[in-house]
Amino acid sequence: MPLCEVLHNIYTFPPFLPIMSLMNQHFCRITFFFCLFAVFALSLPGVWAQENAAAGEQEEEKTLPTQFREIVLGMSLDDLKTALEKDSMFNFRGDRDVSFLPAREESLVETSGSSFVRRAFFQLRDGALFIMAFTLNTGMMDHYSVFTDLVGKYGPPSYLDPKEAVWETEETRVSIERPLTVKYIDKKVFDDIISESALIESRRVQQRQEFLNEF
C-alpha cells in the first residue's frame, strides 16, 4: 500500500480523530504565533531605521551659534566696531582698542566690558572676524550655569577636560575655558592658520638643517 494511503488511514482512523483534531488546533496556533513573530521581527529594522533617521535629522538640525548679541563671526572690522559702539555691554573706545598685524593680515580688537562681560577679544583675518572671546565676570556668572545652559541647547560637549569644554561642528567651535571665558571660532579659518603655521615651522626646520650642513 502506498505511504500516502497509510498516512490517510491513520489520520482518519476513528480512535485517532480527537488526537488529530487537537494536534491541528495546536499546529494552527503555533503557525499563527510564528507568523506574527516573523512579521514583528521583519518590521524591527524598518522601525530602527526610522528612529535612527529621526535622530540623525535632529542632530543635523543642531548648529552651534556664530553670533553673540549683534556680533557675528565673519563680519568686517567696520561692522564689528559699529556693533561694539552701539552695545552698552562693552566699553569700546574706537580705534584705540584696535591693533593691526600687517605681517599676518590680521587685526585684534580688545575692549573691556561691563556687567556680565569683564573683557572681550576679537581677532580678524583678511578683514573678517574669525575668533571672539568673552571673559565673564565671575562675581555675576558661574561656570556651572554657562556649561549647563550650553549642554541644554547643544547637547553634550565634543571634548571635555578640567580646563575646558568644547562643542564642534565642521564650521564652528564653541568652548568654555576656565576660570570663565566663552570663545567662538570659525574653524575653517582657524584650521587654515594652523596648517600655514605648521608649514612655516617645517620650512624653518629645513632651513636650519641646511645651514648646519654647510659646516
N, C-alpha and C. Protein backbone atom coordinates (compact mmCIF):
# COMPACT_ATOMS: atom_id res chain seq x y z
N MET A 1 0.87 -1.19 0.00
CA MET A 1 0.00 0.00 0.00
C MET A 1 0.91 1.24 0.00
N PRO A 2 0.55 2.22 -0.85
CA PRO A 2 1.38 3.43 -0.86
C PRO A 2 1.38 4.13 0.50
N LEU A 3 2.49 4.86 0.74
CA LEU A 3 2.66 5.54 2.03
C LEU A 3 1.58 6.57 2.28
N CYS A 4 1.19 7.28 1.24
CA CYS A 4 0.17 8.33 1.41
C CYS A 4 -1.17 7.75 1.86
N GLU A 5 -1.50 6.53 1.37
CA GLU A 5 -2.75 5.91 1.78
C GLU A 5 -2.66 5.45 3.23
N VAL A 6 -1.47 4.96 3.61
CA VAL A 6 -1.30 4.53 5.00
C VAL A 6 -1.48 5.70 5.95
N LEU A 7 -0.85 6.83 5.64
CA LEU A 7 -0.98 8.02 6.48
C LEU A 7 -2.41 8.52 6.52
N HIS A 8 -3.12 8.42 5.38
CA HIS A 8 -4.51 8.87 5.34
C HIS A 8 -5.38 8.00 6.23
N ASN A 9 -5.12 6.69 6.19
CA ASN A 9 -5.91 5.78 7.02
C ASN A 9 -5.67 6.02 8.52
N ILE A 10 -4.38 6.28 8.86
CA ILE A 10 -4.08 6.57 10.27
C ILE A 10 -4.76 7.86 10.71
N TYR A 11 -4.70 8.85 9.85
CA TYR A 11 -5.27 10.16 10.19
C TYR A 11 -6.78 10.09 10.36
N THR A 12 -7.45 9.21 9.53
CA THR A 12 -8.92 9.13 9.55
C THR A 12 -9.42 7.98 10.41
N PHE A 13 -8.47 7.26 11.07
CA PHE A 13 -8.89 6.15 11.95
C PHE A 13 -9.66 6.73 13.15
N PRO A 14 -10.93 6.28 13.41
CA PRO A 14 -11.80 6.92 14.42
C PRO A 14 -11.18 7.16 15.78
N PRO A 15 -10.42 6.19 16.34
CA PRO A 15 -9.85 6.47 17.68
C PRO A 15 -8.85 7.63 17.68
N PHE A 16 -8.25 7.86 16.52
CA PHE A 16 -7.22 8.91 16.44
C PHE A 16 -7.79 10.30 16.12
N LEU A 17 -9.08 10.36 15.74
CA LEU A 17 -9.62 11.64 15.30
C LEU A 17 -9.54 12.74 16.34
N PRO A 18 -9.91 12.47 17.64
CA PRO A 18 -9.78 13.55 18.65
C PRO A 18 -8.35 14.04 18.80
N ILE A 19 -7.41 13.07 18.75
CA ILE A 19 -6.00 13.46 18.89
C ILE A 19 -5.56 14.31 17.71
N MET A 20 -5.95 13.88 16.50
CA MET A 20 -5.58 14.63 15.30
C MET A 20 -6.20 16.03 15.30
N SER A 21 -7.43 16.12 15.79
CA SER A 21 -8.10 17.42 15.86
C SER A 21 -7.36 18.36 16.81
N LEU A 22 -6.95 17.81 17.97
CA LEU A 22 -6.21 18.61 18.95
C LEU A 22 -4.87 19.06 18.38
N MET A 23 -4.19 18.12 17.67
CA MET A 23 -2.92 18.47 17.05
C MET A 23 -3.09 19.57 16.01
N ASN A 24 -4.18 19.49 15.25
CA ASN A 24 -4.44 20.53 14.25
C ASN A 24 -4.64 21.90 14.90
N GLN A 25 -5.37 21.89 16.03
CA GLN A 25 -5.59 23.17 16.73
C GLN A 25 -4.27 23.77 17.20
N HIS A 26 -3.41 22.91 17.84
CA HIS A 26 -2.12 23.41 18.31
C HIS A 26 -1.23 23.85 17.15
N PHE A 27 -1.30 23.08 16.06
CA PHE A 27 -0.49 23.45 14.89
C PHE A 27 -0.92 24.81 14.34
N CYS A 28 -2.20 25.06 14.29
CA CYS A 28 -2.71 26.36 13.80
C CYS A 28 -2.26 27.50 14.70
N ARG A 29 -2.35 27.22 16.03
CA ARG A 29 -1.92 28.26 16.97
C ARG A 29 -0.44 28.57 16.82
N ILE A 30 0.35 27.46 16.74
CA ILE A 30 1.80 27.66 16.60
C ILE A 30 2.12 28.41 15.31
N THR A 31 1.42 28.01 14.23
CA THR A 31 1.64 28.69 12.94
C THR A 31 1.27 30.16 13.03
N PHE A 32 0.16 30.46 13.71
CA PHE A 32 -0.28 31.85 13.85
C PHE A 32 0.76 32.69 14.59
N PHE A 33 1.22 32.15 15.75
CA PHE A 33 2.20 32.91 16.54
C PHE A 33 3.54 33.04 15.82
N PHE A 34 3.91 31.99 15.08
CA PHE A 34 5.17 32.07 14.32
C PHE A 34 5.09 33.16 13.26
N CYS A 35 3.96 33.19 12.55
CA CYS A 35 3.78 34.24 11.52
C CYS A 35 3.78 35.63 12.15
N LEU A 36 3.11 35.74 13.30
CA LEU A 36 3.06 37.04 13.99
C LEU A 36 4.46 37.48 14.40
N PHE A 37 5.23 36.54 14.96
CA PHE A 37 6.60 36.84 15.36
C PHE A 37 7.46 37.24 14.16
N ALA A 38 7.27 36.52 13.04
CA ALA A 38 8.05 36.81 11.84
C ALA A 38 7.77 38.22 11.32
N VAL A 39 6.47 38.57 11.31
CA VAL A 39 6.09 39.93 10.85
C VAL A 39 6.71 40.98 11.77
N PHE A 40 6.64 40.73 13.09
CA PHE A 40 7.22 41.67 14.06
C PHE A 40 8.73 41.81 13.88
N ALA A 41 9.41 40.65 13.71
CA ALA A 41 10.87 40.67 13.55
C ALA A 41 11.27 41.39 12.27
N LEU A 42 10.52 41.16 11.20
CA LEU A 42 10.85 41.82 9.93
C LEU A 42 10.60 43.32 9.98
N SER A 43 9.67 43.74 10.84
CA SER A 43 9.35 45.17 10.91
C SER A 43 10.34 45.95 11.76
N LEU A 44 11.09 45.24 12.64
CA LEU A 44 12.01 45.94 13.55
C LEU A 44 13.07 46.76 12.82
N PRO A 45 13.75 46.18 11.80
CA PRO A 45 14.77 47.00 11.11
C PRO A 45 14.23 48.30 10.55
N GLY A 46 12.99 48.24 10.02
CA GLY A 46 12.39 49.46 9.49
C GLY A 46 12.14 50.49 10.58
N VAL A 47 11.64 50.00 11.75
CA VAL A 47 11.40 50.91 12.88
C VAL A 47 12.70 51.52 13.36
N TRP A 48 13.74 50.66 13.51
CA TRP A 48 15.03 51.17 13.96
C TRP A 48 15.60 52.17 12.96
N ALA A 49 15.43 51.87 11.68
CA ALA A 49 15.95 52.78 10.66
C ALA A 49 15.26 54.13 10.74
N GLN A 50 13.92 54.09 10.96
CA GLN A 50 13.18 55.35 11.07
C GLN A 50 13.62 56.14 12.30
N GLU A 51 13.82 55.42 13.44
CA GLU A 51 14.26 56.10 14.65
C GLU A 51 15.65 56.69 14.47
N ASN A 52 16.56 55.93 13.85
CA ASN A 52 17.92 56.43 13.62
C ASN A 52 17.92 57.61 12.67
N ALA A 53 17.06 57.53 11.65
CA ALA A 53 16.98 58.64 10.71
C ALA A 53 16.46 59.89 11.40
N ALA A 54 15.44 59.70 12.27
CA ALA A 54 14.90 60.86 13.00
C ALA A 54 15.94 61.44 13.93
N ALA A 55 16.70 60.55 14.60
CA ALA A 55 17.76 61.04 15.49
C ALA A 55 18.83 61.77 14.70
N GLY A 56 19.15 61.21 13.50
CA GLY A 56 20.15 61.87 12.67
C GLY A 56 19.69 63.25 12.22
N GLU A 57 18.40 63.35 11.87
CA GLU A 57 17.86 64.64 11.46
C GLU A 57 17.92 65.65 12.59
N GLN A 58 17.62 65.18 13.82
CA GLN A 58 17.68 66.08 14.97
C GLN A 58 19.09 66.56 15.21
N GLU A 59 20.08 65.64 15.04
CA GLU A 59 21.47 66.03 15.24
C GLU A 59 21.90 67.02 14.17
N GLU A 60 21.45 66.78 12.91
CA GLU A 60 21.82 67.69 11.84
C GLU A 60 21.20 69.07 12.05
N GLU A 61 20.02 69.09 12.66
CA GLU A 61 19.36 70.37 12.87
C GLU A 61 20.09 71.22 13.90
N LYS A 62 20.84 70.57 14.82
CA LYS A 62 21.55 71.32 15.84
C LYS A 62 22.79 71.98 15.25
N THR A 63 22.84 73.27 15.28
CA THR A 63 24.01 74.00 14.80
C THR A 63 24.51 74.89 15.93
N LEU A 64 25.80 75.07 15.97
CA LEU A 64 26.39 75.90 17.01
C LEU A 64 26.23 77.38 16.67
N PRO A 65 26.15 78.23 17.68
CA PRO A 65 25.96 79.66 17.44
C PRO A 65 27.21 80.29 16.85
N THR A 66 27.01 81.23 15.96
CA THR A 66 28.11 82.03 15.42
C THR A 66 27.91 83.51 15.75
N GLN A 67 26.98 83.77 16.66
CA GLN A 67 26.64 85.16 16.98
C GLN A 67 26.47 85.34 18.48
N PHE A 68 27.00 86.46 18.99
CA PHE A 68 26.77 86.88 20.37
C PHE A 68 26.23 88.30 20.33
N ARG A 69 25.00 88.46 20.74
CA ARG A 69 24.32 89.75 20.64
C ARG A 69 24.32 90.19 19.18
N GLU A 70 24.94 91.31 18.83
CA GLU A 70 24.94 91.76 17.44
C GLU A 70 26.27 91.49 16.74
N ILE A 71 27.11 90.69 17.36
CA ILE A 71 28.43 90.40 16.82
C ILE A 71 28.41 89.00 16.21
N VAL A 72 28.84 88.91 14.94
CA VAL A 72 28.73 87.65 14.20
C VAL A 72 30.08 87.30 13.59
N LEU A 73 30.44 86.03 13.70
CA LEU A 73 31.66 85.56 13.04
C LEU A 73 31.56 85.82 11.54
N GLY A 74 32.64 86.32 10.97
CA GLY A 74 32.65 86.62 9.55
C GLY A 74 32.39 88.07 9.23
N MET A 75 31.96 88.88 10.21
CA MET A 75 31.66 90.28 9.93
C MET A 75 32.95 91.08 9.75
N SER A 76 32.85 92.22 9.09
CA SER A 76 34.02 93.05 8.81
C SER A 76 34.42 93.86 10.03
N LEU A 77 35.60 94.45 9.97
CA LEU A 77 36.08 95.27 11.09
C LEU A 77 35.18 96.48 11.31
N ASP A 78 34.75 97.12 10.24
CA ASP A 78 33.88 98.29 10.39
C ASP A 78 32.55 97.91 11.04
N ASP A 79 31.99 96.78 10.62
CA ASP A 79 30.73 96.33 11.21
C ASP A 79 30.93 95.95 12.68
N LEU A 80 32.07 95.34 12.99
CA LEU A 80 32.36 95.00 14.38
C LEU A 80 32.47 96.24 15.24
N LYS A 81 33.17 97.25 14.76
CA LYS A 81 33.33 98.49 15.52
C LYS A 81 31.97 99.15 15.75
N THR A 82 31.13 99.14 14.71
CA THR A 82 29.80 99.73 14.85
C THR A 82 28.97 98.97 15.90
N ALA A 83 29.04 97.64 15.87
CA ALA A 83 28.28 96.84 16.83
C ALA A 83 28.76 97.09 18.25
N LEU A 84 30.07 97.21 18.45
CA LEU A 84 30.62 97.44 19.78
C LEU A 84 30.26 98.84 20.30
N GLU A 85 30.27 99.81 19.41
CA GLU A 85 29.92 101.18 19.81
C GLU A 85 28.47 101.29 20.25
N LYS A 86 27.59 100.51 19.64
CA LYS A 86 26.17 100.58 19.95
C LYS A 86 25.78 99.76 21.18
N ASP A 87 26.63 98.82 21.57
CA ASP A 87 26.29 97.88 22.63
C ASP A 87 26.83 98.37 23.97
N SER A 88 25.94 98.64 24.91
CA SER A 88 26.34 99.12 26.23
C SER A 88 27.05 98.06 27.06
N MET A 89 27.04 96.81 26.60
CA MET A 89 27.75 95.74 27.29
C MET A 89 29.27 95.93 27.22
N PHE A 90 29.74 96.72 26.23
CA PHE A 90 31.17 96.91 26.00
C PHE A 90 31.55 98.38 26.13
N ASN A 91 32.74 98.59 26.67
CA ASN A 91 33.27 99.95 26.81
C ASN A 91 34.27 100.21 25.68
N PHE A 92 33.79 100.10 24.45
CA PHE A 92 34.66 100.23 23.29
C PHE A 92 35.09 101.68 23.08
N ARG A 93 36.40 101.88 22.87
CA ARG A 93 36.95 103.23 22.72
C ARG A 93 37.37 103.56 21.29
N GLY A 94 36.85 102.83 20.35
CA GLY A 94 37.16 103.11 18.95
C GLY A 94 38.52 102.53 18.55
N ASP A 95 39.22 103.23 17.69
CA ASP A 95 40.47 102.74 17.13
C ASP A 95 41.55 102.52 18.19
N ARG A 96 41.41 103.11 19.36
CA ARG A 96 42.40 102.87 20.43
C ARG A 96 42.40 101.42 20.89
N ASP A 97 41.31 100.72 20.67
CA ASP A 97 41.21 99.32 21.07
C ASP A 97 41.50 98.35 19.92
N VAL A 98 41.97 98.90 18.79
CA VAL A 98 42.23 98.08 17.61
C VAL A 98 43.73 98.02 17.34
N SER A 99 44.25 96.82 17.14
CA SER A 99 45.66 96.62 16.79
C SER A 99 45.73 95.88 15.46
N PHE A 100 46.75 96.24 14.66
CA PHE A 100 46.92 95.62 13.35
C PHE A 100 48.20 94.81 13.31
N LEU A 101 48.13 93.66 12.66
CA LEU A 101 49.29 92.80 12.48
C LEU A 101 49.50 92.64 10.97
N PRO A 102 50.23 93.60 10.35
CA PRO A 102 50.36 93.62 8.88
C PRO A 102 50.98 92.34 8.32
N ALA A 103 51.93 91.75 9.06
CA ALA A 103 52.62 90.57 8.53
C ALA A 103 51.66 89.41 8.31
N ARG A 104 50.63 89.33 9.13
CA ARG A 104 49.68 88.23 9.01
C ARG A 104 48.33 88.69 8.45
N GLU A 105 48.23 89.93 8.12
CA GLU A 105 46.96 90.48 7.64
C GLU A 105 45.85 90.21 8.64
N GLU A 106 46.18 90.44 9.90
CA GLU A 106 45.21 90.21 10.96
C GLU A 106 45.02 91.48 11.79
N SER A 107 43.84 91.57 12.41
CA SER A 107 43.53 92.67 13.31
C SER A 107 43.06 92.10 14.63
N LEU A 108 43.37 92.81 15.69
CA LEU A 108 42.96 92.39 17.03
C LEU A 108 42.23 93.54 17.71
N VAL A 109 41.07 93.25 18.22
CA VAL A 109 40.28 94.23 18.97
C VAL A 109 40.14 93.71 20.39
N GLU A 110 40.53 94.52 21.33
CA GLU A 110 40.43 94.15 22.75
C GLU A 110 39.76 95.28 23.50
N THR A 111 38.71 94.96 24.22
CA THR A 111 37.97 96.01 24.92
C THR A 111 37.46 95.48 26.26
N SER A 112 37.27 96.38 27.18
CA SER A 112 36.70 95.99 28.47
C SER A 112 35.18 95.94 28.34
N GLY A 113 34.56 95.31 29.30
CA GLY A 113 33.11 95.21 29.28
C GLY A 113 32.50 95.67 30.58
N SER A 114 31.22 95.63 30.65
CA SER A 114 30.50 95.98 31.87
C SER A 114 29.51 94.88 32.16
N SER A 115 29.01 94.86 33.36
CA SER A 115 28.03 93.86 33.74
C SER A 115 28.62 92.46 33.66
N PHE A 116 28.02 91.58 32.86
CA PHE A 116 28.44 90.18 32.83
C PHE A 116 29.77 89.96 32.12
N VAL A 117 30.12 90.82 31.16
CA VAL A 117 31.37 90.67 30.41
C VAL A 117 32.45 91.55 31.02
N ARG A 118 33.55 90.91 31.43
CA ARG A 118 34.65 91.68 32.01
C ARG A 118 35.63 92.14 30.94
N ARG A 119 35.89 91.27 29.96
CA ARG A 119 36.84 91.60 28.89
C ARG A 119 36.41 90.86 27.63
N ALA A 120 36.64 91.47 26.47
CA ALA A 120 36.28 90.85 25.20
C ALA A 120 37.43 90.98 24.21
N PHE A 121 37.65 89.91 23.44
CA PHE A 121 38.73 89.89 22.45
C PHE A 121 38.15 89.45 21.10
N PHE A 122 38.58 90.12 20.05
CA PHE A 122 38.11 89.79 18.70
C PHE A 122 39.31 89.77 17.76
N GLN A 123 39.42 88.70 16.98
CA GLN A 123 40.53 88.57 16.04
C GLN A 123 39.98 88.42 14.63
N LEU A 124 40.56 89.20 13.70
CA LEU A 124 40.11 89.19 12.32
C LEU A 124 41.26 88.79 11.41
N ARG A 125 40.94 88.10 10.34
CA ARG A 125 41.92 87.72 9.33
C ARG A 125 41.35 88.04 7.97
N ASP A 126 42.14 88.71 7.15
CA ASP A 126 41.68 89.16 5.83
C ASP A 126 40.40 89.97 5.95
N GLY A 127 40.30 90.74 7.04
CA GLY A 127 39.16 91.64 7.21
C GLY A 127 37.90 91.01 7.73
N ALA A 128 37.95 89.73 8.14
CA ALA A 128 36.74 89.04 8.62
C ALA A 128 36.99 88.49 10.02
N LEU A 129 36.00 88.63 10.88
CA LEU A 129 36.10 88.14 12.26
C LEU A 129 36.04 86.62 12.29
N PHE A 130 37.07 86.00 12.92
CA PHE A 130 37.07 84.54 12.99
C PHE A 130 37.21 84.01 14.42
N ILE A 131 37.55 84.88 15.37
CA ILE A 131 37.58 84.48 16.78
C ILE A 131 36.96 85.59 17.61
N MET A 132 36.08 85.24 18.53
CA MET A 132 35.61 86.19 19.54
C MET A 132 35.57 85.47 20.87
N ALA A 133 36.10 86.12 21.89
CA ALA A 133 36.19 85.51 23.23
C ALA A 133 35.71 86.50 24.27
N PHE A 134 34.94 85.99 25.22
CA PHE A 134 34.35 86.84 26.25
C PHE A 134 34.71 86.28 27.62
N THR A 135 35.51 87.03 28.35
CA THR A 135 35.84 86.67 29.73
C THR A 135 34.75 87.24 30.62
N LEU A 136 34.05 86.36 31.30
CA LEU A 136 32.88 86.80 32.06
C LEU A 136 33.24 87.18 33.49
N ASN A 137 32.38 87.97 34.09
CA ASN A 137 32.54 88.42 35.46
C ASN A 137 32.08 87.29 36.39
N THR A 138 33.03 86.64 37.06
CA THR A 138 32.69 85.50 37.92
C THR A 138 31.92 85.92 39.18
N GLY A 139 31.85 87.21 39.43
CA GLY A 139 31.03 87.67 40.54
C GLY A 139 29.55 87.69 40.19
N MET A 140 29.24 87.67 38.88
CA MET A 140 27.85 87.71 38.43
C MET A 140 27.43 86.44 37.69
N MET A 141 28.40 85.65 37.26
CA MET A 141 28.10 84.45 36.49
C MET A 141 29.07 83.35 36.89
N ASP A 142 28.62 82.09 36.83
CA ASP A 142 29.48 80.98 37.23
C ASP A 142 29.60 79.97 36.10
N HIS A 143 30.66 79.18 36.16
CA HIS A 143 30.96 78.21 35.12
C HIS A 143 29.85 77.18 34.96
N TYR A 144 29.31 76.69 36.06
CA TYR A 144 28.28 75.65 36.00
C TYR A 144 27.04 76.14 35.25
N SER A 145 26.63 77.37 35.48
CA SER A 145 25.43 77.89 34.82
C SER A 145 25.63 77.99 33.31
N VAL A 146 26.79 78.47 32.89
CA VAL A 146 27.07 78.58 31.45
C VAL A 146 27.15 77.18 30.83
N PHE A 147 27.83 76.27 31.51
CA PHE A 147 28.00 74.92 30.98
C PHE A 147 26.65 74.21 30.82
N THR A 148 25.83 74.22 31.84
CA THR A 148 24.54 73.53 31.77
C THR A 148 23.62 74.16 30.74
N ASP A 149 23.73 75.47 30.55
CA ASP A 149 22.91 76.14 29.53
C ASP A 149 23.31 75.67 28.13
N LEU A 150 24.62 75.60 27.86
CA LEU A 150 25.07 75.16 26.54
C LEU A 150 24.75 73.68 26.30
N VAL A 151 24.86 72.86 27.34
CA VAL A 151 24.51 71.44 27.20
C VAL A 151 23.02 71.31 26.88
N GLY A 152 22.19 72.10 27.54
CA GLY A 152 20.76 72.06 27.26
C GLY A 152 20.42 72.47 25.83
N LYS A 153 21.20 73.40 25.27
CA LYS A 153 20.93 73.89 23.92
C LYS A 153 21.56 73.04 22.84
N TYR A 154 22.80 72.59 23.07
CA TYR A 154 23.58 71.95 22.00
C TYR A 154 24.03 70.54 22.32
N GLY A 155 23.58 69.99 23.44
CA GLY A 155 23.92 68.62 23.77
C GLY A 155 25.27 68.53 24.47
N PRO A 156 25.71 67.30 24.77
CA PRO A 156 26.99 67.12 25.46
C PRO A 156 28.15 67.66 24.62
N PRO A 157 29.21 68.13 25.26
CA PRO A 157 30.36 68.66 24.51
C PRO A 157 31.08 67.57 23.73
N SER A 158 31.75 67.97 22.66
CA SER A 158 32.54 67.04 21.87
C SER A 158 33.80 66.64 22.62
N TYR A 159 34.28 67.54 23.46
CA TYR A 159 35.51 67.28 24.22
C TYR A 159 35.36 67.95 25.59
N LEU A 160 35.84 67.25 26.61
CA LEU A 160 35.69 67.78 27.97
C LEU A 160 36.89 67.38 28.81
N ASP A 161 37.50 68.36 29.47
CA ASP A 161 38.53 68.09 30.46
C ASP A 161 38.42 69.16 31.55
N PRO A 162 39.21 69.09 32.61
CA PRO A 162 39.07 70.06 33.70
C PRO A 162 39.28 71.51 33.28
N LYS A 163 39.98 71.74 32.17
CA LYS A 163 40.28 73.10 31.76
C LYS A 163 39.26 73.70 30.80
N GLU A 164 38.62 72.86 29.99
CA GLU A 164 37.69 73.40 29.00
C GLU A 164 36.67 72.36 28.56
N ALA A 165 35.56 72.88 28.06
CA ALA A 165 34.54 72.06 27.40
C ALA A 165 34.38 72.61 26.00
N VAL A 166 34.33 71.70 25.02
CA VAL A 166 34.34 72.13 23.62
C VAL A 166 33.18 71.49 22.86
N TRP A 167 32.46 72.30 22.09
CA TRP A 167 31.46 71.84 21.15
C TRP A 167 31.98 72.15 19.75
N GLU A 168 31.85 71.21 18.82
CA GLU A 168 32.40 71.42 17.48
C GLU A 168 31.48 70.89 16.39
N THR A 169 31.47 71.64 15.29
CA THR A 169 30.93 71.14 14.03
C THR A 169 32.04 71.37 12.99
N GLU A 170 31.75 71.09 11.74
CA GLU A 170 32.76 71.31 10.72
C GLU A 170 33.05 72.80 10.53
N GLU A 171 32.08 73.64 10.87
CA GLU A 171 32.24 75.07 10.63
C GLU A 171 32.62 75.87 11.88
N THR A 172 32.18 75.43 13.04
CA THR A 172 32.27 76.26 14.24
C THR A 172 32.81 75.48 15.43
N ARG A 173 33.52 76.22 16.28
CA ARG A 173 33.99 75.65 17.55
C ARG A 173 33.60 76.61 18.67
N VAL A 174 32.90 76.12 19.66
CA VAL A 174 32.49 76.92 20.82
C VAL A 174 33.08 76.25 22.06
N SER A 175 33.70 77.03 22.93
CA SER A 175 34.31 76.44 24.11
C SER A 175 34.08 77.31 25.33
N ILE A 176 34.11 76.64 26.50
CA ILE A 176 34.12 77.33 27.79
C ILE A 176 35.46 77.00 28.44
N GLU A 177 36.25 78.00 28.69
CA GLU A 177 37.57 77.80 29.29
C GLU A 177 37.55 78.36 30.71
N ARG A 178 38.20 77.65 31.61
CA ARG A 178 38.28 78.11 32.99
C ARG A 178 39.33 79.22 33.12
N PRO A 179 39.11 80.21 34.04
CA PRO A 179 38.00 80.20 35.01
C PRO A 179 36.64 80.45 34.36
N LEU A 180 36.52 81.37 33.41
CA LEU A 180 35.24 81.54 32.74
C LEU A 180 35.37 82.44 31.50
N THR A 181 35.75 81.81 30.39
CA THR A 181 35.82 82.50 29.11
C THR A 181 35.06 81.68 28.08
N VAL A 182 34.15 82.33 27.38
CA VAL A 182 33.40 81.69 26.30
C VAL A 182 34.00 82.15 24.98
N LYS A 183 34.35 81.18 24.13
CA LYS A 183 35.05 81.51 22.90
C LYS A 183 34.33 80.91 21.70
N TYR A 184 34.21 81.72 20.63
CA TYR A 184 33.62 81.28 19.37
C TYR A 184 34.72 81.34 18.30
N ILE A 185 34.84 80.28 17.50
CA ILE A 185 35.89 80.24 16.49
C ILE A 185 35.32 79.74 15.17
N ASP A 186 35.68 80.44 14.08
CA ASP A 186 35.40 79.94 12.73
C ASP A 186 36.45 78.87 12.43
N LYS A 187 36.05 77.61 12.43
CA LYS A 187 37.01 76.51 12.36
C LYS A 187 37.75 76.47 11.03
N LYS A 188 37.09 76.81 9.95
CA LYS A 188 37.75 76.74 8.65
C LYS A 188 38.93 77.70 8.58
N VAL A 189 38.71 78.92 9.04
CA VAL A 189 39.80 79.90 9.03
C VAL A 189 40.89 79.48 10.02
N PHE A 190 40.48 79.05 11.19
CA PHE A 190 41.44 78.66 12.22
C PHE A 190 42.29 77.47 11.75
N ASP A 191 41.67 76.49 11.12
CA ASP A 191 42.41 75.32 10.62
C ASP A 191 43.39 75.73 9.53
N ASP A 192 43.00 76.69 8.70
CA ASP A 192 43.92 77.18 7.67
C ASP A 192 45.15 77.82 8.30
N ILE A 193 44.95 78.57 9.37
CA ILE A 193 46.08 79.21 10.07
C ILE A 193 46.99 78.16 10.69
N ILE A 194 46.40 77.13 11.29
CA ILE A 194 47.20 76.05 11.87
C ILE A 194 48.03 75.36 10.80
N SER A 195 47.43 75.11 9.65
CA SER A 195 48.16 74.45 8.55
C SER A 195 49.29 75.33 8.05
N GLU A 196 49.03 76.63 7.93
CA GLU A 196 50.07 77.55 7.49
C GLU A 196 51.21 77.61 8.50
N SER A 197 50.87 77.64 9.77
CA SER A 197 51.89 77.68 10.82
C SER A 197 52.77 76.43 10.80
N ALA A 198 52.12 75.28 10.59
CA ALA A 198 52.88 74.03 10.52
C ALA A 198 53.81 74.01 9.32
N LEU A 199 53.34 74.56 8.20
CA LEU A 199 54.18 74.62 7.00
C LEU A 199 55.37 75.56 7.21
N ILE A 200 55.12 76.70 7.84
CA ILE A 200 56.20 77.65 8.11
C ILE A 200 57.23 77.03 9.05
N GLU A 201 56.77 76.34 10.08
CA GLU A 201 57.68 75.69 11.02
C GLU A 201 58.50 74.61 10.33
N SER A 202 57.86 73.86 9.43
CA SER A 202 58.57 72.83 8.69
C SER A 202 59.67 73.43 7.82
N ARG A 203 59.38 74.57 7.21
CA ARG A 203 60.38 75.24 6.39
C ARG A 203 61.53 75.75 7.24
N ARG A 204 61.24 76.24 8.43
CA ARG A 204 62.29 76.72 9.32
C ARG A 204 63.21 75.59 9.73
N VAL A 205 62.63 74.44 10.04
CA VAL A 205 63.45 73.28 10.42
C VAL A 205 64.34 72.86 9.26
N GLN A 206 63.78 72.88 8.06
CA GLN A 206 64.56 72.50 6.88
C GLN A 206 65.70 73.49 6.64
N GLN A 207 65.41 74.78 6.75
CA GLN A 207 66.44 75.80 6.56
C GLN A 207 67.54 75.69 7.61
N ARG A 208 67.15 75.38 8.83
CA ARG A 208 68.13 75.21 9.92
C ARG A 208 69.07 74.04 9.62
N GLN A 209 68.47 72.94 9.15
CA GLN A 209 69.30 71.78 8.83
C GLN A 209 70.21 72.06 7.65
N GLU A 210 69.70 72.77 6.66
CA GLU A 210 70.53 73.13 5.51
C GLU A 210 71.70 74.01 5.93
N PHE A 211 71.46 74.91 6.87
CA PHE A 211 72.54 75.76 7.36
C PHE A 211 73.59 74.92 8.09
N LEU A 212 73.13 73.98 8.95
CA LEU A 212 74.07 73.11 9.67
C LEU A 212 74.90 72.27 8.71
N ASN A 213 74.30 71.89 7.59
CA ASN A 213 75.03 71.07 6.62
C ASN A 213 76.18 71.84 5.96
N GLU A 214 76.18 73.17 6.09
CA GLU A 214 77.23 73.97 5.49
C GLU A 214 78.57 73.80 6.21
N PHE A 215 78.54 73.34 7.44
CA PHE A 215 79.78 73.20 8.22
C PHE A 215 80.52 71.91 7.85
